[in-house]
Amino acid sequence: MHCPQCGQQQVSEVTRFCSRCGFPMEGVAHLLQSGGLMPVYPNSGEPLERSQKFKGVRQGVILFLAGVLLVPIMGVFSSFTHGLLSNAFEMLAALLALICFVGGPLRVLFAALFEQGAPKPAFQGATNYGRPIGPPQHVPMNVLPPANPNPVGGWRRPNTAELADRPSVTENTTRLLNKDPDREYEQ
């Protein structure tokens, strides 16, 4: 894969930015994977439509939680009343318990198994995708020229060891061959 801005060949297909100019390469990878089609994402300003599955699960959970709240309240009312009114509250508490604690989980189960979920986002794209005319305004121009794959001759980095000449190995030994009249050698 090559960078669309500077033309640098990338080492790997999973690089996130161009190694030369820093151009973000994630969009290029998505474009190549989808066969040149640009993905269309929903606008963030539009309210999202909830799926039937989500709505059904939500209704079942609300029904169950309402039972957790209402059934004890009906039990308390039935204990404080006497006679026919007490029997009415007991029947109402039993009916609420049946509807909420059995109906709520059944509604969640039905929605999870049989109702349709949210549709998958689809790729939409134009078949005639072309480059925009003129350079984009938000892309900075390159300051450095593109790298030359063939090195230019003429200048070579100096070796720091070459700055000062090394002494010869034989330089000190040849001095021993010279006879010093001041110095006598013992044998």
N, C-alpha and C. Protein backbone atom coordinates (compact mmCIF):
# COMPACT_ATOMS: atom_id res chain seq x y z
N MET A 1 0.86 -1.17 0.00
CA MET A 1 0.00 0.00 0.00
C MET A 1 0.90 1.22 0.00
N HIS A 2 0.54 2.20 -0.80
CA HIS A 2 1.30 3.44 -0.92
C HIS A 2 0.49 4.58 -0.32
N CYS A 3 1.19 5.54 0.24
CA CYS A 3 0.54 6.73 0.80
C CYS A 3 -0.03 7.57 -0.34
N PRO A 4 -1.30 7.99 -0.28
CA PRO A 4 -1.85 8.79 -1.37
C PRO A 4 -1.32 10.22 -1.40
N GLN A 5 -0.68 10.68 -0.33
CA GLN A 5 -0.18 12.05 -0.31
C GLN A 5 1.25 12.16 -0.83
N CYS A 6 2.15 11.28 -0.33
CA CYS A 6 3.55 11.41 -0.73
C CYS A 6 4.05 10.24 -1.57
N GLY A 7 3.31 9.14 -1.67
CA GLY A 7 3.71 8.01 -2.50
C GLY A 7 4.64 7.02 -1.82
N GLN A 8 4.93 7.21 -0.54
CA GLN A 8 5.82 6.31 0.20
C GLN A 8 5.17 4.93 0.34
N GLN A 9 5.91 3.87 0.00
CA GLN A 9 5.39 2.53 0.18
C GLN A 9 5.44 2.18 1.65
N GLN A 10 4.33 1.65 2.19
CA GLN A 10 4.24 1.34 3.61
C GLN A 10 4.75 -0.07 3.86
N VAL A 11 5.35 -0.26 5.02
CA VAL A 11 5.95 -1.55 5.37
C VAL A 11 4.87 -2.60 5.59
N SER A 12 3.76 -2.20 6.21
CA SER A 12 2.71 -3.14 6.57
C SER A 12 1.36 -2.56 6.18
N GLU A 13 0.38 -3.44 6.02
CA GLU A 13 -0.97 -3.00 5.68
C GLU A 13 -1.72 -2.45 6.89
N VAL A 14 -1.20 -2.67 8.09
CA VAL A 14 -1.90 -2.25 9.30
C VAL A 14 -1.32 -0.97 9.89
N THR A 15 -0.47 -0.26 9.16
CA THR A 15 0.08 1.00 9.68
C THR A 15 -1.03 2.03 9.75
N ARG A 16 -0.99 2.85 10.79
CA ARG A 16 -2.02 3.85 11.01
C ARG A 16 -1.67 5.18 10.36
N PHE A 17 -0.36 5.47 10.25
CA PHE A 17 0.08 6.74 9.67
C PHE A 17 1.23 6.47 8.72
N CYS A 18 1.37 7.35 7.74
CA CYS A 18 2.47 7.23 6.78
C CYS A 18 3.78 7.48 7.52
N SER A 19 4.80 6.67 7.20
CA SER A 19 6.08 6.79 7.89
C SER A 19 6.85 8.03 7.44
N ARG A 20 6.52 8.60 6.29
CA ARG A 20 7.24 9.78 5.82
C ARG A 20 6.51 11.07 6.16
N CYS A 21 5.24 11.18 5.78
CA CYS A 21 4.54 12.47 5.93
C CYS A 21 3.53 12.49 7.07
N GLY A 22 3.20 11.34 7.67
CA GLY A 22 2.26 11.31 8.79
C GLY A 22 0.81 11.30 8.38
N PHE A 23 0.50 11.06 7.13
CA PHE A 23 -0.88 11.02 6.65
C PHE A 23 -1.62 9.85 7.30
N PRO A 24 -2.85 10.05 7.82
CA PRO A 24 -3.58 8.92 8.43
C PRO A 24 -3.99 7.91 7.37
N MET A 25 -3.58 6.65 7.56
CA MET A 25 -3.79 5.61 6.56
C MET A 25 -5.01 4.73 6.84
N GLU A 26 -5.74 4.95 7.94
CA GLU A 26 -6.88 4.09 8.27
C GLU A 26 -7.99 4.21 7.23
N GLY A 27 -8.26 5.41 6.79
CA GLY A 27 -9.29 5.61 5.78
C GLY A 27 -8.93 4.96 4.46
N VAL A 28 -7.65 4.96 4.13
CA VAL A 28 -7.19 4.33 2.89
C VAL A 28 -7.40 2.82 2.97
N ALA A 29 -7.12 2.24 4.15
CA ALA A 29 -7.30 0.80 4.32
C ALA A 29 -8.77 0.42 4.19
N HIS A 30 -9.68 1.23 4.78
CA HIS A 30 -11.11 0.95 4.65
C HIS A 30 -11.56 1.08 3.20
N LEU A 31 -11.03 2.06 2.50
CA LEU A 31 -11.40 2.26 1.10
C LEU A 31 -10.95 1.09 0.24
N LEU A 32 -9.75 0.57 0.50
CA LEU A 32 -9.27 -0.57 -0.27
C LEU A 32 -10.02 -1.85 0.05
N GLN A 33 -10.42 -2.04 1.32
CA GLN A 33 -11.15 -3.25 1.71
C GLN A 33 -12.54 -3.29 1.12
N SER A 34 -13.16 -2.12 0.95
CA SER A 34 -14.53 -2.10 0.44
C SER A 34 -14.58 -1.98 -1.08
N GLY A 35 -13.45 -2.12 -1.74
CA GLY A 35 -13.44 -2.08 -3.20
C GLY A 35 -13.62 -0.68 -3.76
N GLY A 36 -13.22 0.33 -3.05
CA GLY A 36 -13.31 1.70 -3.54
C GLY A 36 -14.59 2.40 -3.17
N LEU A 37 -15.49 1.75 -2.42
CA LEU A 37 -16.75 2.38 -2.03
C LEU A 37 -16.57 3.07 -0.70
N MET A 38 -17.04 4.29 -0.62
CA MET A 38 -16.94 5.07 0.61
C MET A 38 -18.08 4.67 1.55
N PRO A 39 -17.79 4.42 2.84
CA PRO A 39 -18.87 4.09 3.77
C PRO A 39 -19.70 5.32 4.09
N VAL A 40 -21.00 5.11 4.29
CA VAL A 40 -21.90 6.19 4.65
C VAL A 40 -22.33 5.95 6.08
N TYR A 41 -22.03 6.90 6.94
CA TYR A 41 -22.37 6.80 8.35
C TYR A 41 -23.58 7.68 8.63
N PRO A 42 -24.45 7.27 9.58
CA PRO A 42 -25.62 8.10 9.88
C PRO A 42 -25.20 9.42 10.51
N ASN A 43 -25.99 10.46 10.23
CA ASN A 43 -25.71 11.77 10.83
C ASN A 43 -25.92 11.70 12.32
N SER A 44 -25.06 12.39 13.05
CA SER A 44 -25.19 12.38 14.50
C SER A 44 -26.34 13.28 14.94
N GLY A 45 -26.82 14.18 14.09
CA GLY A 45 -27.92 15.07 14.44
C GLY A 45 -29.28 14.39 14.39
N GLU A 46 -29.40 13.32 13.60
CA GLU A 46 -30.67 12.63 13.48
C GLU A 46 -30.87 11.69 14.67
N PRO A 47 -32.09 11.64 15.23
CA PRO A 47 -32.33 10.67 16.30
C PRO A 47 -32.34 9.25 15.73
N LEU A 48 -31.72 8.33 16.43
CA LEU A 48 -31.66 6.95 15.97
C LEU A 48 -32.98 6.24 16.24
N GLU A 49 -33.45 5.50 15.27
CA GLU A 49 -34.68 4.71 15.41
C GLU A 49 -34.31 3.41 16.11
N ARG A 50 -34.99 3.12 17.21
CA ARG A 50 -34.73 1.89 17.95
C ARG A 50 -35.39 0.72 17.24
N SER A 51 -34.76 -0.44 17.33
CA SER A 51 -35.31 -1.62 16.67
C SER A 51 -36.45 -2.20 17.51
N GLN A 52 -37.23 -3.06 16.87
CA GLN A 52 -38.34 -3.72 17.56
C GLN A 52 -37.83 -4.62 18.68
N LYS A 53 -36.69 -5.25 18.47
CA LYS A 53 -36.11 -6.12 19.49
C LYS A 53 -35.75 -5.30 20.73
N PHE A 54 -35.11 -4.15 20.53
CA PHE A 54 -34.72 -3.30 21.65
C PHE A 54 -35.96 -2.81 22.41
N LYS A 55 -36.99 -2.40 21.66
CA LYS A 55 -38.20 -1.91 22.31
C LYS A 55 -38.90 -3.01 23.12
N GLY A 56 -38.94 -4.23 22.59
CA GLY A 56 -39.58 -5.35 23.28
C GLY A 56 -38.84 -5.73 24.56
N VAL A 57 -37.52 -5.78 24.49
CA VAL A 57 -36.73 -6.10 25.69
C VAL A 57 -36.92 -5.01 26.73
N ARG A 58 -36.95 -3.79 26.30
CA ARG A 58 -37.14 -2.67 27.23
C ARG A 58 -38.51 -2.72 27.89
N GLN A 59 -39.55 -3.05 27.13
CA GLN A 59 -40.89 -3.18 27.71
C GLN A 59 -40.94 -4.29 28.76
N GLY A 60 -40.31 -5.43 28.48
CA GLY A 60 -40.31 -6.54 29.43
C GLY A 60 -39.58 -6.20 30.72
N VAL A 61 -38.46 -5.51 30.61
CA VAL A 61 -37.70 -5.13 31.80
C VAL A 61 -38.48 -4.11 32.63
N ILE A 62 -39.14 -3.15 31.98
CA ILE A 62 -39.94 -2.15 32.71
C ILE A 62 -41.12 -2.83 33.40
N LEU A 63 -41.75 -3.79 32.74
CA LEU A 63 -42.87 -4.52 33.34
C LEU A 63 -42.41 -5.31 34.57
N PHE A 64 -41.26 -5.96 34.49
CA PHE A 64 -40.73 -6.71 35.63
C PHE A 64 -40.40 -5.78 36.80
N LEU A 65 -39.76 -4.65 36.52
CA LEU A 65 -39.40 -3.70 37.58
C LEU A 65 -40.63 -3.04 38.19
N ALA A 66 -41.67 -2.84 37.39
CA ALA A 66 -42.92 -2.31 37.94
C ALA A 66 -43.53 -3.32 38.90
N GLY A 67 -43.42 -4.61 38.60
CA GLY A 67 -43.91 -5.65 39.51
C GLY A 67 -43.14 -5.66 40.82
N VAL A 68 -41.82 -5.43 40.76
CA VAL A 68 -41.02 -5.37 41.98
C VAL A 68 -41.50 -4.23 42.88
N LEU A 69 -41.98 -3.16 42.29
CA LEU A 69 -42.45 -2.01 43.07
C LEU A 69 -43.92 -2.14 43.49
N LEU A 70 -44.81 -2.60 42.59
CA LEU A 70 -46.25 -2.57 42.86
C LEU A 70 -46.75 -3.73 43.72
N VAL A 71 -46.19 -4.92 43.57
CA VAL A 71 -46.69 -6.07 44.32
C VAL A 71 -46.51 -5.89 45.83
N PRO A 72 -45.36 -5.43 46.33
CA PRO A 72 -45.27 -5.19 47.78
C PRO A 72 -46.21 -4.08 48.27
N ILE A 73 -46.43 -3.07 47.44
CA ILE A 73 -47.36 -2.00 47.84
C ILE A 73 -48.77 -2.56 48.00
N MET A 74 -49.21 -3.42 47.08
CA MET A 74 -50.54 -4.02 47.19
C MET A 74 -50.62 -4.95 48.40
N GLY A 75 -49.51 -5.64 48.73
CA GLY A 75 -49.49 -6.48 49.92
C GLY A 75 -49.63 -5.67 51.20
N VAL A 76 -49.00 -4.52 51.24
CA VAL A 76 -49.11 -3.64 52.42
C VAL A 76 -50.54 -3.11 52.53
N PHE A 77 -51.15 -2.70 51.43
CA PHE A 77 -52.53 -2.21 51.47
C PHE A 77 -53.50 -3.29 51.94
N SER A 78 -53.28 -4.53 51.49
CA SER A 78 -54.20 -5.60 51.90
C SER A 78 -54.05 -5.94 53.38
N SER A 79 -52.89 -5.73 53.95
CA SER A 79 -52.71 -6.04 55.38
C SER A 79 -53.35 -4.96 56.28
N PHE A 80 -53.46 -3.73 55.79
CA PHE A 80 -54.05 -2.66 56.60
C PHE A 80 -55.56 -2.55 56.45
N THR A 81 -56.12 -3.16 55.45
CA THR A 81 -57.58 -3.10 55.27
C THR A 81 -58.21 -4.40 55.76
N HIS A 82 -59.51 -4.35 56.05
CA HIS A 82 -60.24 -5.52 56.55
C HIS A 82 -61.45 -5.79 55.68
N GLY A 83 -61.83 -7.05 55.64
CA GLY A 83 -63.07 -7.43 54.98
C GLY A 83 -62.91 -7.57 53.47
N LEU A 84 -63.94 -7.08 52.78
CA LEU A 84 -64.02 -7.22 51.32
C LEU A 84 -62.92 -6.43 50.61
N LEU A 85 -62.56 -5.28 51.13
CA LEU A 85 -61.51 -4.46 50.52
C LEU A 85 -60.15 -5.16 50.62
N SER A 86 -59.92 -5.88 51.73
CA SER A 86 -58.67 -6.62 51.91
C SER A 86 -58.55 -7.73 50.87
N ASN A 87 -59.69 -8.42 50.61
CA ASN A 87 -59.69 -9.48 49.58
C ASN A 87 -59.43 -8.90 48.20
N ALA A 88 -59.93 -7.72 47.92
CA ALA A 88 -59.73 -7.09 46.61
C ALA A 88 -58.25 -6.75 46.41
N PHE A 89 -57.61 -6.22 47.47
CA PHE A 89 -56.18 -5.90 47.35
C PHE A 89 -55.33 -7.17 47.20
N GLU A 90 -55.73 -8.25 47.88
CA GLU A 90 -54.99 -9.51 47.76
C GLU A 90 -55.10 -10.06 46.34
N MET A 91 -56.30 -10.00 45.76
CA MET A 91 -56.49 -10.47 44.37
C MET A 91 -55.71 -9.59 43.39
N LEU A 92 -55.73 -8.29 43.64
CA LEU A 92 -55.00 -7.37 42.76
C LEU A 92 -53.48 -7.61 42.86
N ALA A 93 -52.99 -7.88 44.08
CA ALA A 93 -51.56 -8.16 44.26
C ALA A 93 -51.19 -9.46 43.55
N ALA A 94 -52.03 -10.48 43.62
CA ALA A 94 -51.74 -11.75 42.95
C ALA A 94 -51.76 -11.58 41.43
N LEU A 95 -52.73 -10.82 40.92
CA LEU A 95 -52.82 -10.56 39.48
C LEU A 95 -51.62 -9.76 38.99
N LEU A 96 -51.21 -8.73 39.73
CA LEU A 96 -50.02 -7.95 39.37
C LEU A 96 -48.77 -8.81 39.39
N ALA A 97 -48.65 -9.69 40.40
CA ALA A 97 -47.48 -10.57 40.48
C ALA A 97 -47.43 -11.50 39.28
N LEU A 98 -48.57 -12.05 38.87
CA LEU A 98 -48.62 -12.94 37.72
C LEU A 98 -48.25 -12.19 36.44
N ILE A 99 -48.84 -11.02 36.24
CA ILE A 99 -48.58 -10.26 35.01
C ILE A 99 -47.13 -9.79 34.96
N CYS A 100 -46.64 -9.22 36.06
CA CYS A 100 -45.30 -8.60 36.04
C CYS A 100 -44.18 -9.64 36.10
N PHE A 101 -44.26 -10.61 36.99
CA PHE A 101 -43.15 -11.54 37.17
C PHE A 101 -43.14 -12.68 36.16
N VAL A 102 -44.26 -12.94 35.52
CA VAL A 102 -44.28 -13.96 34.46
C VAL A 102 -44.31 -13.27 33.09
N GLY A 103 -45.13 -12.24 32.95
CA GLY A 103 -45.26 -11.55 31.66
C GLY A 103 -44.02 -10.78 31.25
N GLY A 104 -43.34 -10.15 32.22
CA GLY A 104 -42.13 -9.37 31.90
C GLY A 104 -41.02 -10.23 31.31
N PRO A 105 -40.62 -11.31 31.98
CA PRO A 105 -39.58 -12.16 31.37
C PRO A 105 -40.03 -12.83 30.07
N LEU A 106 -41.33 -13.16 29.95
CA LEU A 106 -41.80 -13.73 28.69
C LEU A 106 -41.71 -12.71 27.55
N ARG A 107 -41.99 -11.45 27.86
CA ARG A 107 -41.89 -10.40 26.83
C ARG A 107 -40.43 -10.22 26.40
N VAL A 108 -39.51 -10.26 27.37
CA VAL A 108 -38.08 -10.14 27.04
C VAL A 108 -37.64 -11.32 26.18
N LEU A 109 -38.06 -12.52 26.53
CA LEU A 109 -37.69 -13.72 25.79
C LEU A 109 -38.25 -13.70 24.37
N PHE A 110 -39.51 -13.29 24.24
CA PHE A 110 -40.13 -13.22 22.91
C PHE A 110 -39.41 -12.20 22.03
N ALA A 111 -39.11 -11.02 22.60
CA ALA A 111 -38.44 -9.98 21.81
C ALA A 111 -37.03 -10.42 21.41
N ALA A 112 -36.33 -11.08 22.33
CA ALA A 112 -34.97 -11.49 22.02
C ALA A 112 -34.92 -12.59 20.96
N LEU A 113 -35.93 -13.47 20.94
CA LEU A 113 -35.89 -14.59 20.00
C LEU A 113 -36.55 -14.30 18.66
N PHE A 114 -37.66 -13.57 18.66
CA PHE A 114 -38.48 -13.52 17.44
C PHE A 114 -38.56 -12.15 16.78
N GLU A 115 -38.26 -11.07 17.45
CA GLU A 115 -38.40 -9.76 16.81
C GLU A 115 -37.12 -9.38 16.10
N GLN A 116 -37.29 -8.52 15.10
CA GLN A 116 -36.19 -8.15 14.23
C GLN A 116 -35.34 -7.08 14.88
N GLY A 117 -34.02 -7.25 14.76
CA GLY A 117 -33.07 -6.30 15.34
C GLY A 117 -32.83 -5.13 14.40
N ALA A 118 -31.89 -4.30 14.76
CA ALA A 118 -31.54 -3.13 13.96
C ALA A 118 -30.90 -3.57 12.65
N PRO A 119 -31.17 -2.88 11.56
CA PRO A 119 -30.54 -3.25 10.29
C PRO A 119 -29.05 -2.91 10.32
N LYS A 120 -28.29 -3.69 9.59
CA LYS A 120 -26.85 -3.47 9.49
C LYS A 120 -26.59 -2.26 8.60
N PRO A 121 -25.61 -1.41 8.97
CA PRO A 121 -25.30 -0.28 8.09
C PRO A 121 -24.71 -0.78 6.78
N ALA A 122 -25.16 -0.23 5.70
CA ALA A 122 -24.72 -0.66 4.37
C ALA A 122 -23.74 0.36 3.80
N PHE A 123 -22.84 -0.12 2.96
CA PHE A 123 -21.91 0.77 2.28
C PHE A 123 -22.60 1.31 1.04
N GLN A 124 -22.55 2.60 0.91
CA GLN A 124 -23.04 3.23 -0.31
C GLN A 124 -21.88 3.97 -0.92
N GLY A 125 -21.79 3.93 -2.19
CA GLY A 125 -20.67 4.63 -2.80
C GLY A 125 -20.95 4.89 -4.25
N ALA A 126 -20.26 5.86 -4.75
CA ALA A 126 -20.38 6.19 -6.16
C ALA A 126 -19.43 5.30 -6.94
N THR A 127 -19.86 4.86 -8.09
CA THR A 127 -18.99 4.03 -8.91
C THR A 127 -17.94 4.88 -9.61
N ASN A 128 -18.21 6.14 -9.83
CA ASN A 128 -17.27 7.03 -10.50
C ASN A 128 -16.60 7.93 -9.48
N TYR A 129 -15.78 7.35 -8.66
CA TYR A 129 -15.08 8.15 -7.66
C TYR A 129 -13.80 8.69 -8.28
N GLY A 130 -13.63 9.96 -8.26
CA GLY A 130 -12.43 10.57 -8.81
C GLY A 130 -11.78 11.49 -7.81
N ARG A 131 -10.57 11.88 -8.11
CA ARG A 131 -9.86 12.81 -7.24
C ARG A 131 -10.49 14.18 -7.34
N PRO A 132 -10.54 14.92 -6.23
CA PRO A 132 -11.04 16.28 -6.31
C PRO A 132 -10.08 17.15 -7.12
N ILE A 133 -10.63 18.17 -7.75
CA ILE A 133 -9.82 19.06 -8.57
C ILE A 133 -9.13 20.05 -7.65
N GLY A 134 -7.83 20.16 -7.79
CA GLY A 134 -7.05 21.09 -6.97
C GLY A 134 -6.68 20.46 -5.65
N PRO A 135 -5.68 21.04 -4.99
CA PRO A 135 -5.27 20.47 -3.70
C PRO A 135 -6.28 20.82 -2.62
N PRO A 136 -6.55 19.91 -1.70
CA PRO A 136 -7.44 20.23 -0.59
C PRO A 136 -6.83 21.32 0.29
N GLN A 137 -7.67 22.14 0.89
CA GLN A 137 -7.19 23.27 1.67
C GLN A 137 -6.62 22.85 3.01
N HIS A 138 -7.11 21.75 3.59
CA HIS A 138 -6.69 21.35 4.93
C HIS A 138 -5.42 20.51 4.95
N VAL A 139 -4.91 20.08 3.79
CA VAL A 139 -3.73 19.23 3.74
C VAL A 139 -2.50 20.12 3.62
N PRO A 140 -1.54 20.03 4.56
CA PRO A 140 -0.33 20.86 4.45
C PRO A 140 0.57 20.36 3.32
N MET A 141 1.24 21.30 2.69
CA MET A 141 2.15 20.94 1.61
C MET A 141 3.44 20.39 2.23
N ASN A 142 4.10 19.51 1.50
CA ASN A 142 5.35 18.93 1.98
C ASN A 142 6.45 19.99 1.97
N VAL A 143 7.24 20.03 3.04
CA VAL A 143 8.33 20.98 3.12
C VAL A 143 9.58 20.39 2.49
N LEU A 144 9.81 19.10 2.72
CA LEU A 144 10.98 18.44 2.18
C LEU A 144 10.65 17.77 0.85
N PRO A 145 11.61 17.69 -0.05
CA PRO A 145 11.34 16.97 -1.30
C PRO A 145 11.23 15.48 -1.02
N PRO A 146 10.59 14.73 -1.91
CA PRO A 146 10.47 13.29 -1.69
C PRO A 146 11.85 12.63 -1.69
N ALA A 147 11.96 11.56 -0.92
CA ALA A 147 13.24 10.87 -0.80
C ALA A 147 13.60 10.19 -2.11
N ASN A 148 14.88 10.24 -2.43
CA ASN A 148 15.38 9.61 -3.64
C ASN A 148 15.78 8.18 -3.30
N PRO A 149 15.23 7.16 -3.98
CA PRO A 149 15.60 5.79 -3.64
C PRO A 149 17.05 5.46 -3.98
N ASN A 150 17.65 6.19 -4.96
CA ASN A 150 19.05 5.98 -5.32
C ASN A 150 19.88 7.06 -4.66
N PRO A 151 20.89 6.70 -3.88
CA PRO A 151 21.70 7.72 -3.21
C PRO A 151 22.49 8.53 -4.23
N VAL A 152 22.63 9.81 -3.97
CA VAL A 152 23.38 10.70 -4.84
C VAL A 152 24.84 10.66 -4.41
N GLY A 153 25.77 10.49 -5.37
CA GLY A 153 27.19 10.40 -5.06
C GLY A 153 27.79 11.78 -4.83
N GLY A 154 29.06 11.79 -4.42
CA GLY A 154 29.75 13.06 -4.26
C GLY A 154 30.12 13.34 -2.81
N TRP A 155 29.27 13.17 -1.92
CA TRP A 155 29.58 13.44 -0.52
C TRP A 155 29.47 12.15 0.26
N ARG A 156 30.39 11.94 1.15
CA ARG A 156 30.41 10.74 1.96
C ARG A 156 30.59 11.18 3.41
N ARG A 157 29.88 10.55 4.31
CA ARG A 157 30.01 10.86 5.73
C ARG A 157 31.43 10.53 6.18
N PRO A 158 32.12 11.47 6.83
CA PRO A 158 33.51 11.20 7.23
C PRO A 158 33.55 10.22 8.39
N ASN A 159 34.57 9.41 8.37
CA ASN A 159 34.85 8.51 9.47
C ASN A 159 35.70 9.28 10.46
N THR A 160 35.26 9.37 11.68
CA THR A 160 35.98 10.18 12.66
C THR A 160 37.37 9.64 12.94
N ALA A 161 37.60 8.40 12.66
CA ALA A 161 38.94 7.84 12.86
C ALA A 161 39.90 8.33 11.79
N GLU A 162 39.39 8.83 10.69
CA GLU A 162 40.23 9.31 9.61
C GLU A 162 40.69 10.75 9.81
N LEU A 163 40.15 11.46 10.78
CA LEU A 163 40.50 12.86 10.96
C LEU A 163 41.96 13.01 11.40
N ALA A 164 42.44 12.17 12.25
CA ALA A 164 43.83 12.21 12.68
C ALA A 164 44.50 10.93 12.21
N ASP A 165 45.66 11.08 11.57
CA ASP A 165 46.38 9.90 11.07
C ASP A 165 46.87 9.06 12.24
N ARG A 166 46.80 7.79 12.09
CA ARG A 166 47.28 6.88 13.10
C ARG A 166 48.80 6.77 12.99
N PRO A 167 49.48 6.61 14.10
CA PRO A 167 50.94 6.43 14.01
C PRO A 167 51.26 5.05 13.45
N SER A 168 52.36 4.97 12.82
CA SER A 168 52.79 3.72 12.21
C SER A 168 53.27 2.76 13.30
N VAL A 169 53.11 1.49 13.07
CA VAL A 169 53.53 0.47 14.01
C VAL A 169 55.05 0.38 14.03
N THR A 170 55.66 0.59 12.89
CA THR A 170 57.11 0.44 12.80
C THR A 170 57.86 1.69 13.21
N GLU A 171 57.16 2.76 13.47
CA GLU A 171 57.81 4.02 13.79
C GLU A 171 58.65 3.93 15.06
N ASN A 172 58.13 3.33 16.10
CA ASN A 172 58.88 3.22 17.34
C ASN A 172 59.97 2.17 17.25
N THR A 173 59.78 1.13 16.47
CA THR A 173 60.79 0.07 16.38
C THR A 173 61.97 0.50 15.55
N THR A 174 61.83 1.35 14.59
CA THR A 174 62.96 1.79 13.77
C THR A 174 63.88 2.71 14.55
N ARG A 175 63.38 3.36 15.56
CA ARG A 175 64.22 4.19 16.39
C ARG A 175 65.24 3.36 17.16
N LEU A 176 64.90 2.15 17.45
CA LEU A 176 65.82 1.28 18.17
C LEU A 176 67.02 0.89 17.31
N LEU A 177 66.86 0.92 16.01
CA LEU A 177 67.96 0.56 15.12
C LEU A 177 69.01 1.66 15.03
N ASN A 178 68.62 2.85 15.27
CA ASN A 178 69.58 3.95 15.24
C ASN A 178 70.48 3.85 16.47
N LYS A 179 71.76 4.02 16.27
CA LYS A 179 72.69 3.93 17.38
C LYS A 179 72.86 5.32 17.97
N ASP A 180 72.72 5.33 19.26
CA ASP A 180 72.92 6.57 19.97
C ASP A 180 74.36 6.56 20.52
N PRO A 181 75.12 7.54 20.25
CA PRO A 181 76.47 7.53 20.80
C PRO A 181 76.44 7.78 22.31
N ASP A 182 75.43 8.44 22.81
CA ASP A 182 75.37 8.73 24.23
C ASP A 182 74.97 7.49 25.02
N ARG A 183 74.39 6.57 24.39
CA ARG A 183 73.82 5.43 25.07
C ARG A 183 74.55 4.16 24.68
N GLU A 184 74.89 3.39 25.63
CA GLU A 184 75.57 2.14 25.32
C GLU A 184 74.64 0.99 25.63
N TYR A 185 74.70 0.05 24.77
CA TYR A 185 73.82 -1.09 24.94
C TYR A 185 74.58 -2.23 25.57
N GLU A 186 73.95 -2.92 26.45
CA GLU A 186 74.60 -4.06 27.09
C GLU A 186 74.21 -5.32 26.37
N GLN A 187 75.18 -6.17 26.29
CA GLN A 187 74.91 -7.44 25.65
C GLN A 187 75.14 -8.57 26.56
